[in-house]
Amino acid sequence: MSFLDKMKAAGKSIVDSGAKTMLKTDVVFMEREIKNRKQAFGVEIYELMEALETDNTLSVEEKEGSLRMAFDRARKDVALIYVKIDHKFEEMRILEEVQFTGNYEDSIATEHSGMSRGPRRYH
């Protein structure tokens, strides 16, 4: 391997490390987004329950339905963020594999063959 090839390889390694660091940073921000959404859900439920406690026009089922809708919205929002996090981890896996093998096409083939890791769960 010539000096120029070694320099190219070192440069590529630095770029790949930077990309992986950026992906990890994205995941941290998304995890913070999940925490914020859960906290907002808590505030929303508290205010909703406070209002429902004084509202005598709604049946118990209607009150439960209001709470269920708030929970379903929060759960959907959090699930969407988890999907984004899973994609970031998949991008990191591909980067690691490309760094190790040097072959992008093989990394993509592994991903599409079902041999990639399943979804991760956090917290």
PDB file of N, CA and C in Angstrom:
ATOM      1  N   MET A   1       0.857  -1.171   0.000  1.00  0.00           N
ATOM      2  CA  MET A   1       0.000   0.000   0.000  1.00  0.00           C
ATOM      3  C   MET A   1       0.906   1.237   0.000  1.00  0.00           C
ATOM      4  N   SER A   2       0.677   2.121  -0.956  1.00  0.00           N
ATOM      5  CA  SER A   2       1.496   3.322  -1.079  1.00  0.00           C
ATOM      6  C   SER A   2       1.125   4.339  -0.004  1.00  0.00           C
ATOM      7  N   PHE A   3       1.978   5.332   0.121  1.00  0.00           N
ATOM      8  CA  PHE A   3       1.736   6.399   1.092  1.00  0.00           C
ATOM      9  C   PHE A   3       0.420   7.104   0.791  1.00  0.00           C
ATOM     10  N   LEU A   4       0.144   7.361  -0.475  1.00  0.00           N
ATOM     11  CA  LEU A   4      -1.092   8.036  -0.871  1.00  0.00           C
ATOM     12  C   LEU A   4      -2.312   7.191  -0.508  1.00  0.00           C
ATOM     13  N   ASP A   5      -2.223   5.880  -0.724  1.00  0.00           N
ATOM     14  CA  ASP A   5      -3.330   4.991  -0.356  1.00  0.00           C
ATOM     15  C   ASP A   5      -3.566   5.006   1.155  1.00  0.00           C
ATOM     16  N   LYS A   6      -2.476   5.026   1.909  1.00  0.00           N
ATOM     17  CA  LYS A   6      -2.601   5.074   3.365  1.00  0.00           C
ATOM     18  C   LYS A   6      -3.260   6.378   3.809  1.00  0.00           C
ATOM     19  N   MET A   7      -2.900   7.472   3.171  1.00  0.00           N
ATOM     20  CA  MET A   7      -3.496   8.767   3.508  1.00  0.00           C
ATOM     21  C   MET A   7      -4.987   8.787   3.155  1.00  0.00           C
ATOM     22  N   LYS A   8      -5.337   8.204   2.017  1.00  0.00           N
ATOM     23  CA  LYS A   8      -6.750   8.137   1.621  1.00  0.00           C
ATOM     24  C   LYS A   8      -7.545   7.305   2.625  1.00  0.00           C
ATOM     25  N   ALA A   9      -6.973   6.174   3.026  1.00  0.00           N
ATOM     26  CA  ALA A   9      -7.648   5.297   3.987  1.00  0.00           C
ATOM     27  C   ALA A   9      -7.826   6.006   5.331  1.00  0.00           C
ATOM     28  N   ALA A  10      -6.800   6.723   5.760  1.00  0.00           N
ATOM     29  CA  ALA A  10      -6.893   7.453   7.027  1.00  0.00           C
ATOM     30  C   ALA A  10      -7.952   8.549   6.929  1.00  0.00           C
ATOM     31  N   GLY A  11      -7.981   9.249   5.813  1.00  0.00           N
ATOM     32  CA  GLY A  11      -8.984  10.296   5.610  1.00  0.00           C
ATOM     33  C   GLY A  11     -10.388   9.733   5.614  1.00  0.00           C
ATOM     34  N   LYS A  12     -10.582   8.602   4.949  1.00  0.00           N
ATOM     35  CA  LYS A  12     -11.902   7.966   4.907  1.00  0.00           C
ATOM     36  C   LYS A  12     -12.318   7.520   6.304  1.00  0.00           C
ATOM     37  N   SER A  13     -11.378   6.999   7.058  1.00  0.00           N
ATOM     38  CA  SER A  13     -11.676   6.565   8.422  1.00  0.00           C
ATOM     39  C   SER A  13     -12.130   7.743   9.279  1.00  0.00           C
ATOM     40  N   ILE A  14     -11.478   8.875   9.115  1.00  0.00           N
ATOM     41  CA  ILE A  14     -11.858  10.069   9.879  1.00  0.00           C
ATOM     42  C   ILE A  14     -13.251  10.533   9.482  1.00  0.00           C
ATOM     43  N   VAL A  15     -13.531  10.541   8.189  1.00  0.00           N
ATOM     44  CA  VAL A  15     -14.857  10.948   7.705  1.00  0.00           C
ATOM     45  C   VAL A  15     -15.925  10.003   8.242  1.00  0.00           C
ATOM     46  N   ASP A  16     -15.668   8.698   8.169  1.00  0.00           N
ATOM     47  CA  ASP A  16     -16.634   7.714   8.668  1.00  0.00           C
ATOM     48  C   ASP A  16     -16.852   7.865  10.174  1.00  0.00           C
ATOM     49  N   SER A  17     -15.786   8.124  10.919  1.00  0.00           N
ATOM     50  CA  SER A  17     -15.921   8.326  12.364  1.00  0.00           C
ATOM     51  C   SER A  17     -16.759   9.563  12.656  1.00  0.00           C
ATOM     52  N   GLY A  18     -16.555  10.607  11.871  1.00  0.00           N
ATOM     53  CA  GLY A  18     -17.355  11.818  12.033  1.00  0.00           C
ATOM     54  C   GLY A  18     -18.822  11.566  11.740  1.00  0.00           C
ATOM     55  N   ALA A  19     -19.093  10.788  10.700  1.00  0.00           N
ATOM     56  CA  ALA A  19     -20.479  10.459  10.348  1.00  0.00           C
ATOM     57  C   ALA A  19     -21.129   9.647  11.460  1.00  0.00           C
ATOM     58  N   LYS A  20     -20.386   8.703  12.015  1.00  0.00           N
ATOM     59  CA  LYS A  20     -20.928   7.876  13.092  1.00  0.00           C
ATOM     60  C   LYS A  20     -21.200   8.722  14.338  1.00  0.00           C
ATOM     61  N   THR A  21     -20.305   9.643  14.643  1.00  0.00           N
ATOM     62  CA  THR A  21     -20.510  10.540  15.780  1.00  0.00           C
ATOM     63  C   THR A  21     -21.754  11.391  15.571  1.00  0.00           C
ATOM     64  N   MET A  22     -21.950  11.865  14.352  1.00  0.00           N
ATOM     65  CA  MET A  22     -23.133  12.667  14.049  1.00  0.00           C
ATOM     66  C   MET A  22     -24.403  11.837  14.223  1.00  0.00           C
ATOM     67  N   LEU A  23     -24.380  10.582  13.804  1.00  0.00           N
ATOM     68  CA  LEU A  23     -25.537   9.705  13.979  1.00  0.00           C
ATOM     69  C   LEU A  23     -25.828   9.484  15.464  1.00  0.00           C
ATOM     70  N   LYS A  24     -24.782   9.288  16.260  1.00  0.00           N
ATOM     71  CA  LYS A  24     -24.970   9.108  17.706  1.00  0.00           C
ATOM     72  C   LYS A  24     -25.568  10.364  18.330  1.00  0.00           C
ATOM     73  N   THR A  25     -25.119  11.520  17.867  1.00  0.00           N
ATOM     74  CA  THR A  25     -25.672  12.784  18.364  1.00  0.00           C
ATOM     75  C   THR A  25     -27.146  12.895  18.009  1.00  0.00           C
ATOM     76  N   ASP A  26     -27.490  12.499  16.790  1.00  0.00           N
ATOM     77  CA  ASP A  26     -28.900  12.502  16.377  1.00  0.00           C
ATOM     78  C   ASP A  26     -29.739  11.631  17.306  1.00  0.00           C
ATOM     79  N   VAL A  27     -29.213  10.461  17.668  1.00  0.00           N
ATOM     80  CA  VAL A  27     -29.935   9.545  18.554  1.00  0.00           C
ATOM     81  C   VAL A  27     -30.147  10.191  19.923  1.00  0.00           C
ATOM     82  N   VAL A  28     -29.133  10.858  20.441  1.00  0.00           N
ATOM     83  CA  VAL A  28     -29.264  11.526  21.744  1.00  0.00           C
ATOM     84  C   VAL A  28     -30.370  12.577  21.689  1.00  0.00           C
ATOM     85  N   PHE A  29     -30.404  13.356  20.617  1.00  0.00           N
ATOM     86  CA  PHE A  29     -31.455  14.367  20.481  1.00  0.00           C
ATOM     87  C   PHE A  29     -32.833  13.720  20.369  1.00  0.00           C
ATOM     88  N   MET A  30     -32.920  12.611  19.670  1.00  0.00           N
ATOM     89  CA  MET A  30     -34.207  11.924  19.537  1.00  0.00           C
ATOM     90  C   MET A  30     -34.656  11.335  20.872  1.00  0.00           C
ATOM     91  N   GLU A  31     -33.712  10.803  21.648  1.00  0.00           N
ATOM     92  CA  GLU A  31     -34.067  10.299  22.973  1.00  0.00           C
ATOM     93  C   GLU A  31     -34.567  11.435  23.865  1.00  0.00           C
ATOM     94  N   ARG A  32     -33.965  12.598  23.723  1.00  0.00           N
ATOM     95  CA  ARG A  32     -34.434  13.769  24.474  1.00  0.00           C
ATOM     96  C   ARG A  32     -35.837  14.161  24.006  1.00  0.00           C
ATOM     97  N   GLU A  33     -36.080  14.045  22.706  1.00  0.00           N
ATOM     98  CA  GLU A  33     -37.407  14.338  22.160  1.00  0.00           C
ATOM     99  C   GLU A  33     -38.462  13.390  22.746  1.00  0.00           C
ATOM    100  N   ILE A  34     -38.098  12.122  22.921  1.00  0.00           N
ATOM    101  CA  ILE A  34     -39.010  11.151  23.539  1.00  0.00           C
ATOM    102  C   ILE A  34     -39.320  11.569  24.978  1.00  0.00           C
ATOM    103  N   LYS A  35     -38.282  11.914  25.717  1.00  0.00           N
ATOM    104  CA  LYS A  35     -38.481  12.338  27.109  1.00  0.00           C
ATOM    105  C   LYS A  35     -39.388  13.563  27.177  1.00  0.00           C
ATOM    106  N   ASN A  36     -39.149  14.533  26.297  1.00  0.00           N
ATOM    107  CA  ASN A  36     -39.980  15.739  26.279  1.00  0.00           C
ATOM    108  C   ASN A  36     -41.429  15.416  25.937  1.00  0.00           C
ATOM    109  N   ARG A  37     -41.631  14.488  25.007  1.00  0.00           N
ATOM    110  CA  ARG A  37     -43.001  14.127  24.623  1.00  0.00           C
ATOM    111  C   ARG A  37     -43.717  13.446  25.780  1.00  0.00           C
ATOM    112  N   LYS A  38     -43.004  12.588  26.503  1.00  0.00           N
ATOM    113  CA  LYS A  38     -43.604  11.918  27.656  1.00  0.00           C
ATOM    114  C   LYS A  38     -43.939  12.923  28.758  1.00  0.00           C
ATOM    115  N   GLN A  39     -43.075  13.895  28.955  1.00  0.00           N
ATOM    116  CA  GLN A  39     -43.364  14.926  29.954  1.00  0.00           C
ATOM    117  C   GLN A  39     -44.571  15.764  29.531  1.00  0.00           C
ATOM    118  N   ALA A  40     -44.644  16.100  28.247  1.00  0.00           N
ATOM    119  CA  ALA A  40     -45.794  16.860  27.742  1.00  0.00           C
ATOM    120  C   ALA A  40     -47.074  16.049  27.904  1.00  0.00           C
ATOM    121  N   PHE A  41     -46.967  14.732  27.720  1.00  0.00           N
ATOM    122  CA  PHE A  41     -48.119  13.851  27.917  1.00  0.00           C
ATOM    123  C   PHE A  41     -48.599  13.929  29.366  1.00  0.00           C
ATOM    124  N   GLY A  42     -47.678  13.910  30.297  1.00  0.00           N
ATOM    125  CA  GLY A  42     -48.046  14.004  31.710  1.00  0.00           C
ATOM    126  C   GLY A  42     -48.788  15.291  32.026  1.00  0.00           C
ATOM    127  N   VAL A  43     -48.307  16.391  31.489  1.00  0.00           N
ATOM    128  CA  VAL A  43     -48.974  17.680  31.698  1.00  0.00           C
ATOM    129  C   VAL A  43     -50.353  17.660  31.045  1.00  0.00           C
ATOM    130  N   GLU A  44     -50.413  17.127  29.820  1.00  0.00           N
ATOM    131  CA  GLU A  44     -51.688  17.056  29.101  1.00  0.00           C
ATOM    132  C   GLU A  44     -52.710  16.222  29.868  1.00  0.00           C
ATOM    133  N   ILE A  45     -52.296  15.071  30.371  1.00  0.00           N
ATOM    134  CA  ILE A  45     -53.209  14.196  31.114  1.00  0.00           C
ATOM    135  C   ILE A  45     -53.662  14.873  32.407  1.00  0.00           C
ATOM    136  N   TYR A  46     -52.745  15.515  33.107  1.00  0.00           N
ATOM    137  CA  TYR A  46     -53.117  16.201  34.348  1.00  0.00           C
ATOM    138  C   TYR A  46     -54.189  17.253  34.071  1.00  0.00           C
ATOM    139  N   GLU A  47     -53.945  18.089  33.059  1.00  0.00           N
ATOM    140  CA  GLU A  47     -54.911  19.141  32.736  1.00  0.00           C
ATOM    141  C   GLU A  47     -56.236  18.554  32.267  1.00  0.00           C
ATOM    142  N   LEU A  48     -56.171  17.479  31.496  1.00  0.00           N
ATOM    143  CA  LEU A  48     -57.386  16.829  31.016  1.00  0.00           C
ATOM    144  C   LEU A  48     -58.179  16.240  32.183  1.00  0.00           C
ATOM    145  N   MET A  49     -57.491  15.564  33.090  1.00  0.00           N
ATOM    146  CA  MET A  49     -58.181  14.974  34.238  1.00  0.00           C
ATOM    147  C   MET A  49     -58.764  16.049  35.142  1.00  0.00           C
ATOM    148  N   GLU A  50     -58.049  17.131  35.290  1.00  0.00           N
ATOM    149  CA  GLU A  50     -58.543  18.240  36.098  1.00  0.00           C
ATOM    150  C   GLU A  50     -59.842  18.796  35.496  1.00  0.00           C
ATOM    151  N   ALA A  51     -59.858  18.953  34.170  1.00  0.00           N
ATOM    152  CA  ALA A  51     -61.056  19.463  33.500  1.00  0.00           C
ATOM    153  C   ALA A  51     -62.195  18.445  33.558  1.00  0.00           C
ATOM    154  N   LEU A  52     -61.866  17.169  33.379  1.00  0.00           N
ATOM    155  CA  LEU A  52     -62.901  16.131  33.390  1.00  0.00           C
ATOM    156  C   LEU A  52     -63.511  15.950  34.779  1.00  0.00           C
ATOM    157  N   GLU A  53     -62.738  16.244  35.801  1.00  0.00           N
ATOM    158  CA  GLU A  53     -63.226  16.097  37.169  1.00  0.00           C
ATOM    159  C   GLU A  53     -64.384  17.057  37.458  1.00  0.00           C
ATOM    160  N   THR A  54     -64.345  18.210  36.850  1.00  0.00           N
ATOM    161  CA  THR A  54     -65.395  19.210  37.092  1.00  0.00           C
ATOM    162  C   THR A  54     -66.503  19.169  36.045  1.00  0.00           C
ATOM    163  N   ASP A  55     -66.280  18.446  34.944  1.00  0.00           N
ATOM    164  CA  ASP A  55     -67.274  18.374  33.868  1.00  0.00           C
ATOM    165  C   ASP A  55     -68.227  17.218  34.143  1.00  0.00           C
ATOM    166  N   ASN A  56     -69.447  17.543  34.534  1.00  0.00           N
ATOM    167  CA  ASN A  56     -70.435  16.513  34.851  1.00  0.00           C
ATOM    168  C   ASN A  56     -71.315  16.157  33.661  1.00  0.00           C
ATOM    169  N   THR A  57     -71.044  16.752  32.506  1.00  0.00           N
ATOM    170  CA  THR A  57     -71.883  16.482  31.332  1.00  0.00           C
ATOM    171  C   THR A  57     -71.437  15.236  30.586  1.00  0.00           C
ATOM    172  N   LEU A  58     -70.216  14.776  30.820  1.00  0.00           N
ATOM    173  CA  LEU A  58     -69.697  13.608  30.105  1.00  0.00           C
ATOM    174  C   LEU A  58     -69.869  12.342  30.934  1.00  0.00           C
ATOM    175  N   SER A  59     -70.117  11.245  30.233  1.00  0.00           N
ATOM    176  CA  SER A  59     -70.198   9.950  30.912  1.00  0.00           C
ATOM    177  C   SER A  59     -68.784   9.466  31.240  1.00  0.00           C
ATOM    178  N   VAL A  60     -68.709   8.444  32.062  1.00  0.00           N
ATOM    179  CA  VAL A  60     -67.414   7.861  32.421  1.00  0.00           C
ATOM    180  C   VAL A  60     -66.710   7.350  31.169  1.00  0.00           C
ATOM    181  N   GLU A  61     -67.470   6.732  30.261  1.00  0.00           N
ATOM    182  CA  GLU A  61     -66.888   6.202  29.030  1.00  0.00           C
ATOM    183  C   GLU A  61     -66.307   7.323  28.171  1.00  0.00           C
ATOM    184  N   GLU A  62     -67.000   8.453  28.096  1.00  0.00           N
ATOM    185  CA  GLU A  62     -66.500   9.582  27.312  1.00  0.00           C
ATOM    186  C   GLU A  62     -65.228  10.159  27.932  1.00  0.00           C
ATOM    187  N   LYS A  63     -65.191  10.203  29.248  1.00  0.00           N
ATOM    188  CA  LYS A  63     -63.995  10.689  29.939  1.00  0.00           C
ATOM    189  C   LYS A  63     -62.817   9.743  29.694  1.00  0.00           C
ATOM    190  N   GLU A  64     -63.090   8.442  29.793  1.00  0.00           N
ATOM    191  CA  GLU A  64     -62.040   7.456  29.529  1.00  0.00           C
ATOM    192  C   GLU A  64     -61.570   7.552  28.085  1.00  0.00           C
ATOM    193  N   GLY A  65     -62.506   7.805  27.176  1.00  0.00           N
ATOM    194  CA  GLY A  65     -62.158   7.957  25.764  1.00  0.00           C
ATOM    195  C   GLY A  65     -61.235   9.140  25.523  1.00  0.00           C
ATOM    196  N   SER A  66     -61.475  10.238  26.232  1.00  0.00           N
ATOM    197  CA  SER A  66     -60.609  11.418  26.112  1.00  0.00           C
ATOM    198  C   SER A  66     -59.189  11.096  26.573  1.00  0.00           C
ATOM    199  N   LEU A  67     -59.095  10.375  27.686  1.00  0.00           N
ATOM    200  CA  LEU A  67     -57.781   9.983  28.199  1.00  0.00           C
ATOM    201  C   LEU A  67     -57.091   9.022  27.239  1.00  0.00           C
ATOM    202  N   ARG A  68     -57.843   8.075  26.711  1.00  0.00           N
ATOM    203  CA  ARG A  68     -57.287   7.086  25.780  1.00  0.00           C
ATOM    204  C   ARG A  68     -56.754   7.773  24.523  1.00  0.00           C
ATOM    205  N   MET A  69     -57.493   8.757  24.009  1.00  0.00           N
ATOM    206  CA  MET A  69     -57.048   9.469  22.808  1.00  0.00           C
ATOM    207  C   MET A  69     -55.734  10.207  23.062  1.00  0.00           C
ATOM    208  N   ALA A  70     -55.610  10.825  24.233  1.00  0.00           N
ATOM    209  CA  ALA A  70     -54.372  11.527  24.573  1.00  0.00           C
ATOM    210  C   ALA A  70     -53.208  10.541  24.648  1.00  0.00           C
ATOM    211  N   PHE A  71     -53.453   9.378  25.259  1.00  0.00           N
ATOM    212  CA  PHE A  71     -52.404   8.362  25.350  1.00  0.00           C
ATOM    213  C   PHE A  71     -52.032   7.830  23.971  1.00  0.00           C
ATOM    214  N   ASP A  72     -53.029   7.558  23.138  1.00  0.00           N
ATOM    215  CA  ASP A  72     -52.757   7.036  21.797  1.00  0.00           C
ATOM    216  C   ASP A  72     -51.929   8.016  20.967  1.00  0.00           C
ATOM    217  N   ARG A  73     -52.210   9.309  21.090  1.00  0.00           N
ATOM    218  CA  ARG A  73     -51.425  10.321  20.366  1.00  0.00           C
ATOM    219  C   ARG A  73     -49.972  10.309  20.841  1.00  0.00           C
ATOM    220  N   ALA A  74     -49.788  10.268  22.142  1.00  0.00           N
ATOM    221  CA  ALA A  74     -48.428  10.260  22.696  1.00  0.00           C
ATOM    222  C   ALA A  74     -47.689   8.990  22.293  1.00  0.00           C
ATOM    223  N   ARG A  75     -48.374   7.856  22.373  1.00  0.00           N
ATOM    224  CA  ARG A  75     -47.742   6.580  22.007  1.00  0.00           C
ATOM    225  C   ARG A  75     -47.315   6.587  20.545  1.00  0.00           C
ATOM    226  N   LYS A  76     -48.162   7.132  19.671  1.00  0.00           N
ATOM    227  CA  LYS A  76     -47.840   7.212  18.244  1.00  0.00           C
ATOM    228  C   LYS A  76     -46.621   8.105  18.023  1.00  0.00           C
ATOM    229  N   ASP A  77     -46.600   9.256  18.685  1.00  0.00           N
ATOM    230  CA  ASP A  77     -45.465  10.174  18.544  1.00  0.00           C
ATOM    231  C   ASP A  77     -44.162   9.512  18.987  1.00  0.00           C
ATOM    232  N   VAL A  78     -44.195   8.823  20.116  1.00  0.00           N
ATOM    233  CA  VAL A  78     -42.999   8.156  20.637  1.00  0.00           C
ATOM    234  C   VAL A  78     -42.579   7.016  19.707  1.00  0.00           C
ATOM    235  N   ALA A  79     -43.534   6.260  19.194  1.00  0.00           N
ATOM    236  CA  ALA A  79     -43.216   5.156  18.283  1.00  0.00           C
ATOM    237  C   ALA A  79     -42.534   5.668  17.016  1.00  0.00           C
ATOM    238  N   LEU A  80     -42.987   6.795  16.504  1.00  0.00           N
ATOM    239  CA  LEU A  80     -42.358   7.369  15.310  1.00  0.00           C
ATOM    240  C   LEU A  80     -40.907   7.756  15.579  1.00  0.00           C
ATOM    241  N   ILE A  81     -40.645   8.271  16.751  1.00  0.00           N
ATOM    242  CA  ILE A  81     -39.272   8.637  17.098  1.00  0.00           C
ATOM    243  C   ILE A  81     -38.416   7.382  17.232  1.00  0.00           C
ATOM    244  N   TYR A  82     -38.977   6.309  17.815  1.00  0.00           N
ATOM    245  CA  TYR A  82     -38.229   5.049  17.905  1.00  0.00           C
ATOM    246  C   TYR A  82     -37.871   4.516  16.521  1.00  0.00           C
ATOM    247  N   VAL A  83     -38.764   4.662  15.559  1.00  0.00           N
ATOM    248  CA  VAL A  83     -38.470   4.223  14.189  1.00  0.00           C
ATOM    249  C   VAL A  83     -37.286   5.016  13.638  1.00  0.00           C
ATOM    250  N   LYS A  84     -37.273   6.314  13.882  1.00  0.00           N
ATOM    251  CA  LYS A  84     -36.157   7.146  13.423  1.00  0.00           C
ATOM    252  C   LYS A  84     -34.852   6.721  14.085  1.00  0.00           C
ATOM    253  N   ILE A  85     -34.916   6.402  15.376  1.00  0.00           N
ATOM    254  CA  ILE A  85     -33.717   5.947  16.088  1.00  0.00           C
ATOM    255  C   ILE A  85     -33.231   4.625  15.503  1.00  0.00           C
ATOM    256  N   ASP A  86     -34.152   3.712  15.230  1.00  0.00           N
ATOM    257  CA  ASP A  86     -33.772   2.435  14.619  1.00  0.00           C
ATOM    258  C   ASP A  86     -33.054   2.658  13.293  1.00  0.00           C
ATOM    259  N   HIS A  87     -33.530   3.615  12.504  1.00  0.00           N
ATOM    260  CA  HIS A  87     -32.878   3.912  11.227  1.00  0.00           C
ATOM    261  C   HIS A  87     -31.468   4.463  11.439  1.00  0.00           C
ATOM    262  N   LYS A  88     -31.289   5.283  12.450  1.00  0.00           N
ATOM    263  CA  LYS A  88     -29.953   5.817  12.747  1.00  0.00           C
ATOM    264  C   LYS A  88     -29.005   4.683  13.140  1.00  0.00           C
ATOM    265  N   PHE A  89     -29.489   3.739  13.966  1.00  0.00           N
ATOM    266  CA  PHE A  89     -28.649   2.601  14.337  1.00  0.00           C
ATOM    267  C   PHE A  89     -28.325   1.735  13.121  1.00  0.00           C
ATOM    268  N   GLU A  90     -29.261   1.605  12.199  1.00  0.00           N
ATOM    269  CA  GLU A  90     -29.002   0.834  10.981  1.00  0.00           C
ATOM    270  C   GLU A  90     -27.945   1.542  10.135  1.00  0.00           C
ATOM    271  N   GLU A  91     -28.012   2.857  10.052  1.00  0.00           N
ATOM    272  CA  GLU A  91     -26.990   3.609   9.323  1.00  0.00           C
ATOM    273  C   GLU A  91     -25.623   3.413   9.971  1.00  0.00           C
ATOM    274  N   MET A  92     -25.578   3.410  11.315  1.00  0.00           N
ATOM    275  CA  MET A  92     -24.315   3.177  12.018  1.00  0.00           C
ATOM    276  C   MET A  92     -23.786   1.780  11.726  1.00  0.00           C
ATOM    277  N   ARG A  93     -24.685   0.797  11.713  1.00  0.00           N
ATOM    278  CA  ARG A  93     -24.267  -0.575  11.428  1.00  0.00           C
ATOM    279  C   ARG A  93     -23.656  -0.664  10.037  1.00  0.00           C
ATOM    280  N   ILE A  94     -24.291  -0.024   9.077  1.00  0.00           N
ATOM    281  CA  ILE A  94     -23.769  -0.049   7.708  1.00  0.00           C
ATOM    282  C   ILE A  94     -22.411   0.644   7.652  1.00  0.00           C
ATOM    283  N   LEU A  95     -22.278   1.776   8.322  1.00  0.00           N
ATOM    284  CA  LEU A  95     -20.984   2.471   8.355  1.00  0.00           C
ATOM    285  C   LEU A  95     -19.896   1.578   8.943  1.00  0.00           C
ATOM    286  N   GLU A  96     -20.219   0.906  10.060  1.00  0.00           N
ATOM    287  CA  GLU A  96     -19.240   0.014  10.687  1.00  0.00           C
ATOM    288  C   GLU A  96     -18.857  -1.117   9.744  1.00  0.00           C
ATOM    289  N   GLU A  97     -19.852  -1.670   9.069  1.00  0.00           N
ATOM    290  CA  GLU A  97     -19.573  -2.779   8.167  1.00  0.00           C
ATOM    291  C   GLU A  97     -18.743  -2.323   6.980  1.00  0.00           C
ATOM    292  N   VAL A  98     -19.047  -1.151   6.457  1.00  0.00           N
ATOM    293  CA  VAL A  98     -18.268  -0.617   5.339  1.00  0.00           C
ATOM    294  C   VAL A  98     -16.837  -0.352   5.791  1.00  0.00           C
ATOM    295  N   GLN A  99     -16.665   0.180   7.003  1.00  0.00           N
ATOM    296  CA  GLN A  99     -15.318   0.402   7.529  1.00  0.00           C
ATOM    297  C   GLN A  99     -14.565  -0.917   7.638  1.00  0.00           C
ATOM    298  N   PHE A 100     -15.272  -1.947   8.082  1.00  0.00           N
ATOM    299  CA  PHE A 100     -14.631  -3.246   8.291  1.00  0.00           C
ATOM    300  C   PHE A 100     -14.349  -3.950   6.971  1.00  0.00           C
ATOM    301  N   THR A 101     -15.344  -3.989   6.073  1.00  0.00           N
ATOM    302  CA  THR A 101     -15.191  -4.737   4.826  1.00  0.00           C
ATOM    303  C   THR A 101     -14.733  -3.873   3.666  1.00  0.00           C
ATOM    304  N   GLY A 102     -15.044  -2.581   3.749  1.00  0.00           N
ATOM    305  CA  GLY A 102     -14.708  -1.696   2.642  1.00  0.00           C
ATOM    306  C   GLY A 102     -15.652  -1.830   1.469  1.00  0.00           C
ATOM    307  N   ASN A 103     -16.758  -2.559   1.658  1.00  0.00           N
ATOM    308  CA  ASN A 103     -17.665  -2.818   0.542  1.00  0.00           C
ATOM    309  C   ASN A 103     -19.076  -2.390   0.909  1.00  0.00           C
ATOM    310  N   TYR A 104     -19.509  -1.294   0.319  1.00  0.00           N
ATOM    311  CA  TYR A 104     -20.841  -0.748   0.580  1.00  0.00           C
ATOM    312  C   TYR A 104     -21.933  -1.679   0.065  1.00  0.00           C
ATOM    313  N   GLU A 105     -21.750  -2.266  -1.100  1.00  0.00           N
ATOM    314  CA  GLU A 105     -22.782  -3.121  -1.693  1.00  0.00           C
ATOM    315  C   GLU A 105     -23.073  -4.337  -0.821  1.00  0.00           C
ATOM    316  N   ASP A 106     -22.040  -4.949  -0.247  1.00  0.00           N
ATOM    317  CA  ASP A 106     -22.253  -6.098   0.634  1.00  0.00           C
ATOM    318  C   ASP A 106     -23.031  -5.692   1.884  1.00  0.00           C
ATOM    319  N   SER A 107     -22.770  -4.501   2.390  1.00  0.00           N
ATOM    320  CA  SER A 107     -23.474  -4.019   3.579  1.00  0.00           C
ATOM    321  C   SER A 107     -24.949  -3.834   3.288  1.00  0.00           C
ATOM    322  N   ILE A 108     -25.256  -3.280   2.132  1.00  0.00           N
ATOM    323  CA  ILE A 108     -26.652  -3.074   1.744  1.00  0.00           C
ATOM    324  C   ILE A 108     -27.325  -4.416   1.491  1.00  0.00           C
ATOM    325  N   ALA A 109     -26.622  -5.360   0.867  1.00  0.00           N
ATOM    326  CA  ALA A 109     -27.200  -6.686   0.606  1.00  0.00           C
ATOM    327  C   ALA A 109     -27.542  -7.381   1.914  1.00  0.00           C
ATOM    328  N   THR A 110     -26.684  -7.267   2.903  1.00  0.00           N
ATOM    329  CA  THR A 110     -26.955  -7.857   4.214  1.00  0.00           C
ATOM    330  C   THR A 110     -28.191  -7.232   4.826  1.00  0.00           C
ATOM    331  N   GLU A 111     -28.312  -5.923   4.681  1.00  0.00           N
ATOM    332  CA  GLU A 111     -29.465  -5.220   5.248  1.00  0.00           C
ATOM    333  C   GLU A 111     -30.756  -5.726   4.614  1.00  0.00           C
ATOM    334  N   HIS A 112     -30.772  -5.909   3.312  1.00  0.00           N
ATOM    335  CA  HIS A 112     -31.997  -6.299   2.621  1.00  0.00           C
ATOM    336  C   HIS A 112     -32.268  -7.800   2.663  1.00  0.00           C
ATOM    337  N   SER A 113     -31.287  -8.586   3.068  1.00  0.00           N
ATOM    338  CA  SER A 113     -31.504 -10.027   3.137  1.00  0.00           C
ATOM    339  C   SER A 113     -32.155 -10.446   4.447  1.00  0.00           C
ATOM    340  N   GLY A 114     -32.375  -9.484   5.332  1.00  0.00           N
ATOM    341  CA  GLY A 114     -32.988  -9.806   6.616  1.00  0.00           C
ATOM    342  C   GLY A 114     -31.975 -10.209   7.663  1.00  0.00           C
ATOM    343  N   MET A 115     -30.690 -10.088   7.348  1.00  0.00           N
ATOM    344  CA  MET A 115     -29.655 -10.490   8.289  1.00  0.00           C
ATOM    345  C   MET A 115     -29.266  -9.356   9.230  1.00  0.00           C
ATOM    346  N   SER A 116     -29.844  -8.189   9.033  1.00  0.00           N
ATOM    347  CA  SER A 116     -29.512  -7.087   9.925  1.00  0.00           C
ATOM    348  C   SER A 116     -30.195  -7.291  11.270  1.00  0.00           C
ATOM    349  N   ARG A 117     -29.717  -6.581  12.258  1.00  0.00           N
ATOM    350  CA  ARG A 117     -30.300  -6.688  13.589  1.00  0.00           C
ATOM    351  C   ARG A 117     -31.727  -6.175  13.591  1.00  0.00           C
ATOM    352  N   GLY A 118     -32.514  -6.710  14.480  1.00  0.00           N
ATOM    353  CA  GLY A 118     -33.895  -6.256  14.625  1.00  0.00           C
ATOM    354  C   GLY A 118     -33.944  -4.907  15.312  1.00  0.00           C
ATOM    355  N   PRO A 119     -35.137  -4.380  15.471  1.00  0.00           N
ATOM    356  CA  PRO A 119     -35.271  -3.065  16.093  1.00  0.00           C
ATOM    357  C   PRO A 119     -34.805  -3.084  17.540  1.00  0.00           C
ATOM    358  N   ARG A 120     -34.237  -2.002  17.951  1.00  0.00           N
ATOM    359  CA  ARG A 120     -33.764  -1.872  19.321  1.00  0.00           C
ATOM    360  C   ARG A 120     -34.812  -1.138  20.132  1.00  0.00           C
ATOM    361  N   ARG A 121     -34.835  -1.380  21.396  1.00  0.00           N
ATOM    362  CA  ARG A 121     -35.738  -0.650  22.290  1.00  0.00           C
ATOM    363  C   ARG A 121     -34.886   0.088  23.297  1.00  0.00           C
ATOM    364  N   TYR A 122     -35.344   1.236  23.676  1.00  0.00           N
ATOM    365  CA  TYR A 122     -34.571   2.124  24.517  1.00  0.00           C
ATOM    366  C   TYR A 122     -35.381   2.449  25.750  1.00  0.00           C
ATOM    367  N   HIS A 123     -34.734   2.678  26.835  1.00  0.00           N
ATOM    368  CA  HIS A 123     -35.325   3.097  28.113  1.00  0.00           C
ATOM    369  C   HIS A 123     -36.268   2.064  28.606  1.00  0.00           C
TER     370      HIS A 123
END
